[in-house]
N, C-alpha and C. Protein backbone atom coordinates (compact mmCIF):
# COMPACT_ATOMS: atom_id res chain seq x y z
N MET A 1 0.93 -0.92 0.05
CA MET A 1 -0.22 0.14 0.23
C MET A 1 0.66 1.23 0.05
N GLU A 2 2.50 1.38 0.12
CA GLU A 2 3.05 2.40 0.36
C GLU A 2 2.86 3.59 1.22
N SER A 3 2.32 3.58 2.15
CA SER A 3 1.98 4.51 3.38
C SER A 3 3.33 4.81 3.66
N GLU A 4 3.14 6.35 4.42
CA GLU A 4 4.24 7.13 4.53
C GLU A 4 3.99 6.83 5.80
N VAL A 5 3.09 6.89 6.38
CA VAL A 5 2.59 6.91 8.21
C VAL A 5 2.06 5.25 8.66
N LEU A 6 2.59 4.44 9.66
CA LEU A 6 2.10 3.58 10.32
C LEU A 6 1.94 4.04 11.56
N VAL A 7 0.20 3.47 11.94
CA VAL A 7 -0.15 4.37 13.48
C VAL A 7 -0.32 2.58 14.28
N LEU A 8 0.00 2.64 15.48
CA LEU A 8 -0.43 1.13 16.26
C LEU A 8 -0.54 1.98 17.21
N ASP A 9 -1.53 0.87 18.18
CA ASP A 9 -2.22 1.24 19.13
C ASP A 9 -1.90 0.12 20.14
N GLU A 10 -1.34 -0.04 20.78
CA GLU A 10 -0.42 -1.30 21.72
C GLU A 10 0.00 -2.24 21.36
N PRO A 11 1.06 -1.96 20.32
CA PRO A 11 0.81 -3.21 19.23
C PRO A 11 1.64 -4.65 19.63
N THR A 12 1.99 -4.51 20.91
CA THR A 12 2.73 -6.24 21.57
C THR A 12 1.63 -6.63 22.74
N ALA A 13 0.37 -5.85 22.44
CA ALA A 13 -0.41 -6.36 24.05
C ALA A 13 -0.96 -7.85 23.41
N GLY A 14 -0.75 -8.83 24.54
CA GLY A 14 -1.52 -9.78 24.30
C GLY A 14 -0.57 -11.21 23.24
N LEU A 15 0.57 -10.49 22.55
CA LEU A 15 1.37 -11.07 22.38
C LEU A 15 2.50 -11.89 23.56
N ASP A 16 2.81 -12.96 22.75
CA ASP A 16 3.86 -14.04 23.78
C ASP A 16 5.28 -13.76 23.27
N PRO A 17 6.06 -14.01 23.80
CA PRO A 17 7.54 -13.43 23.68
C PRO A 17 7.77 -13.51 22.45
N ARG A 18 7.86 -14.75 21.70
CA ARG A 18 8.56 -15.22 20.43
C ARG A 18 7.56 -14.03 19.40
N ALA A 19 6.12 -13.74 19.41
CA ALA A 19 5.92 -12.97 18.82
C ALA A 19 5.78 -11.52 18.68
N ARG A 20 6.26 -11.14 20.15
CA ARG A 20 6.29 -10.03 20.48
C ARG A 20 7.79 -9.53 19.47
N ARG A 21 8.85 -10.43 19.74
CA ARG A 21 10.03 -9.99 18.85
C ARG A 21 10.36 -10.35 17.34
N ALA A 22 9.26 -11.00 16.96
CA ALA A 22 9.14 -10.94 15.43
C ALA A 22 8.48 -9.86 15.12
N LEU A 23 7.33 -9.13 15.68
CA LEU A 23 6.98 -8.17 15.41
C LEU A 23 7.81 -6.69 15.64
N ILE A 24 8.46 -6.81 16.62
CA ILE A 24 9.59 -5.55 16.86
C ILE A 24 10.87 -5.69 15.53
N HIS A 25 11.06 -6.95 15.18
CA HIS A 25 11.85 -7.03 14.02
C HIS A 25 11.17 -6.77 12.63
N LEU A 26 9.95 -7.01 12.41
CA LEU A 26 9.54 -6.87 11.38
C LEU A 26 9.07 -5.04 11.21
N LEU A 27 8.72 -4.57 12.71
CA LEU A 27 9.02 -2.92 12.53
C LEU A 27 9.79 -2.42 12.39
N ARG A 28 10.89 -2.57 12.65
CA ARG A 28 12.84 -2.47 12.67
C ARG A 28 12.90 -2.08 11.28
N GLY A 29 12.53 -3.14 10.26
CA GLY A 29 12.80 -2.95 8.91
C GLY A 29 11.66 -2.35 8.20
N LEU A 30 10.84 -1.20 8.44
CA LEU A 30 9.68 -0.46 7.75
C LEU A 30 10.15 0.66 7.78
N PRO A 31 10.51 1.10 6.12
CA PRO A 31 11.42 2.60 6.06
C PRO A 31 9.80 3.52 6.10
N MET A 32 9.41 3.59 7.19
CA MET A 32 8.38 4.78 7.05
C MET A 32 8.23 5.49 8.66
N THR A 33 7.80 6.35 8.90
CA THR A 33 7.04 6.60 10.00
C THR A 33 6.62 6.28 10.67
N MET A 34 6.66 5.79 12.21
CA MET A 34 5.77 5.03 13.24
C MET A 34 4.94 6.05 14.21
N LEU A 35 4.02 6.09 14.34
CA LEU A 35 3.04 6.72 15.86
C LEU A 35 2.62 5.55 16.24
N VAL A 36 3.35 5.43 17.37
CA VAL A 36 2.68 4.11 18.10
C VAL A 36 2.96 4.61 19.50
N SER A 37 1.49 4.36 20.06
CA SER A 37 0.83 4.27 21.69
C SER A 37 1.25 3.04 22.14
N SER A 38 2.00 3.03 23.34
CA SER A 38 2.15 1.93 23.82
C SER A 38 2.44 2.03 25.59
N HIS A 39 2.52 0.93 26.52
CA HIS A 39 3.23 1.14 27.91
C HIS A 39 4.02 -0.06 27.81
N ASP A 40 4.28 -0.49 26.73
CA ASP A 40 5.91 -1.32 26.41
C ASP A 40 6.52 -0.69 26.38
N LEU A 41 7.54 -0.19 27.42
CA LEU A 41 8.66 0.40 27.51
C LEU A 41 9.90 -0.18 27.07
N ALA A 42 9.91 -1.00 27.02
CA ALA A 42 10.98 -2.06 26.76
C ALA A 42 11.41 -1.96 24.68
N MET A 43 9.86 -2.22 24.83
CA MET A 43 9.78 -2.26 22.98
C MET A 43 9.96 -0.64 22.34
N VAL A 44 9.63 0.09 22.93
CA VAL A 44 9.65 1.37 22.66
C VAL A 44 11.28 1.93 22.62
N ARG A 45 12.11 1.47 23.81
CA ARG A 45 13.42 1.61 23.83
C ARG A 45 14.04 1.21 22.63
N GLU A 46 13.89 -0.08 22.47
CA GLU A 46 14.20 -0.81 21.46
C GLU A 46 14.23 -0.53 19.93
N LEU A 47 12.79 0.18 19.49
CA LEU A 47 12.52 0.12 18.37
C LEU A 47 11.94 2.17 17.95
N LEU A 48 12.05 2.78 18.61
CA LEU A 48 11.40 4.28 18.53
C LEU A 48 13.00 4.92 19.00
N PRO A 49 13.23 6.09 18.46
CA PRO A 49 14.12 6.91 18.64
C PRO A 49 13.64 7.72 19.29
N ARG A 50 12.85 8.49 19.25
CA ARG A 50 12.27 9.77 19.40
C ARG A 50 10.58 9.22 20.84
N MET A 51 10.29 9.85 21.37
CA MET A 51 9.09 9.25 22.35
C MET A 51 8.55 10.77 22.99
N VAL A 52 6.83 10.28 22.69
CA VAL A 52 6.32 11.80 23.48
C VAL A 52 5.46 10.75 24.84
N ILE A 53 5.77 11.74 25.81
CA ILE A 53 4.76 10.91 27.18
C ILE A 53 3.81 12.16 27.00
N MET A 54 2.12 11.13 27.26
CA MET A 54 1.30 12.12 27.20
C MET A 54 0.39 11.57 28.43
N ASP A 55 0.10 12.55 29.16
CA ASP A 55 -0.88 12.12 30.39
C ASP A 55 -1.92 13.48 30.54
N ASP A 56 -3.01 12.66 31.21
CA ASP A 56 -4.31 13.59 30.76
C ASP A 56 -4.37 14.52 29.31
N GLY A 57 -4.21 14.23 28.75
CA GLY A 57 -4.53 14.12 27.16
C GLY A 57 -3.77 15.23 26.48
N ARG A 58 -2.83 15.66 27.71
CA ARG A 58 -1.40 16.51 27.58
C ARG A 58 -0.29 16.25 27.05
N ILE A 59 0.58 16.64 26.11
CA ILE A 59 2.47 16.60 26.39
C ILE A 59 2.70 16.67 27.59
N ALA A 60 3.07 16.05 27.79
CA ALA A 60 4.27 15.55 29.48
C ALA A 60 5.32 16.04 29.55
N ALA A 61 5.97 15.16 28.13
CA ALA A 61 7.65 15.36 27.57
C ALA A 61 7.53 14.85 26.09
N ASP A 62 8.46 15.41 25.65
CA ASP A 62 8.69 15.34 24.16
C ASP A 62 10.17 14.88 23.92
N GLY A 63 11.03 14.00 23.42
CA GLY A 63 12.23 14.18 23.68
C GLY A 63 13.13 12.98 23.17
N PRO A 64 14.27 12.66 22.57
CA PRO A 64 14.85 11.54 22.34
C PRO A 64 14.63 10.31 23.37
N THR A 65 14.56 9.27 23.21
CA THR A 65 14.02 8.05 24.04
C THR A 65 15.15 8.01 25.08
N PRO A 66 16.28 7.69 24.63
CA PRO A 66 16.61 7.15 25.82
C PRO A 66 17.04 8.12 26.80
N GLU A 67 16.89 9.70 26.41
CA GLU A 67 16.93 10.45 27.74
C GLU A 67 15.90 10.70 28.43
N LEU A 68 14.54 10.28 27.89
CA LEU A 68 12.97 10.35 28.59
C LEU A 68 13.21 9.20 29.66
N LEU A 69 13.88 8.04 28.93
CA LEU A 69 13.46 6.41 29.89
C LEU A 69 14.35 6.88 30.98
N ALA A 70 15.65 7.38 30.75
CA ALA A 70 16.58 7.78 32.07
C ALA A 70 15.94 8.64 32.92
N ASN A 71 14.82 8.89 32.77
CA ASN A 71 14.20 10.17 33.85
C ASN A 71 13.26 9.45 35.08
N GLU A 72 13.75 8.79 35.68
CA GLU A 72 12.98 8.07 36.66
C GLU A 72 12.05 8.94 37.15
N THR A 73 12.21 10.10 37.45
CA THR A 73 11.34 10.69 38.05
C THR A 73 10.17 11.33 37.20
N LEU A 74 10.37 11.86 35.84
CA LEU A 74 9.64 11.96 34.80
C LEU A 74 8.35 10.85 34.89
N LEU A 75 9.26 9.37 34.70
CA LEU A 75 8.30 8.44 34.40
C LEU A 75 7.63 8.11 35.65
N GLU A 76 7.83 8.20 36.75
CA GLU A 76 6.74 7.64 37.86
C GLU A 76 6.11 8.90 37.99
N ALA A 77 5.98 10.50 37.67
CA ALA A 77 5.11 10.95 37.64
C ALA A 77 4.23 11.01 36.78
N HIS A 78 4.30 10.08 35.98
CA HIS A 78 3.18 10.10 34.46
C HIS A 78 2.86 8.54 34.72
N GLY A 79 2.97 7.65 35.56
CA GLY A 79 2.50 6.22 36.01
C GLY A 79 3.67 5.59 34.83
N LEU A 80 4.37 5.93 34.37
CA LEU A 80 5.12 4.51 33.70
C LEU A 80 6.38 4.25 34.48
N GLU A 81 6.65 2.49 34.38
CA GLU A 81 7.78 2.19 34.88
C GLU A 81 8.96 1.39 34.00
């Protein structure tokens, strides 16, 4: 379909470890912009270079994934582990 953007909502929810790994491998190989809504921070860390933390419908943080995931105070304040 040659889409430029792929939008996914909790793509790893309900997957067993093998299927989760296969999905991450597939997504990593796609040459397109991805918008992913997820609580799976391990997948986010591995796959997405940039993240936006949303809380109560508002942007709480926006930046490089490694920087935001290293900020434990920020994550705790917005219910992420």
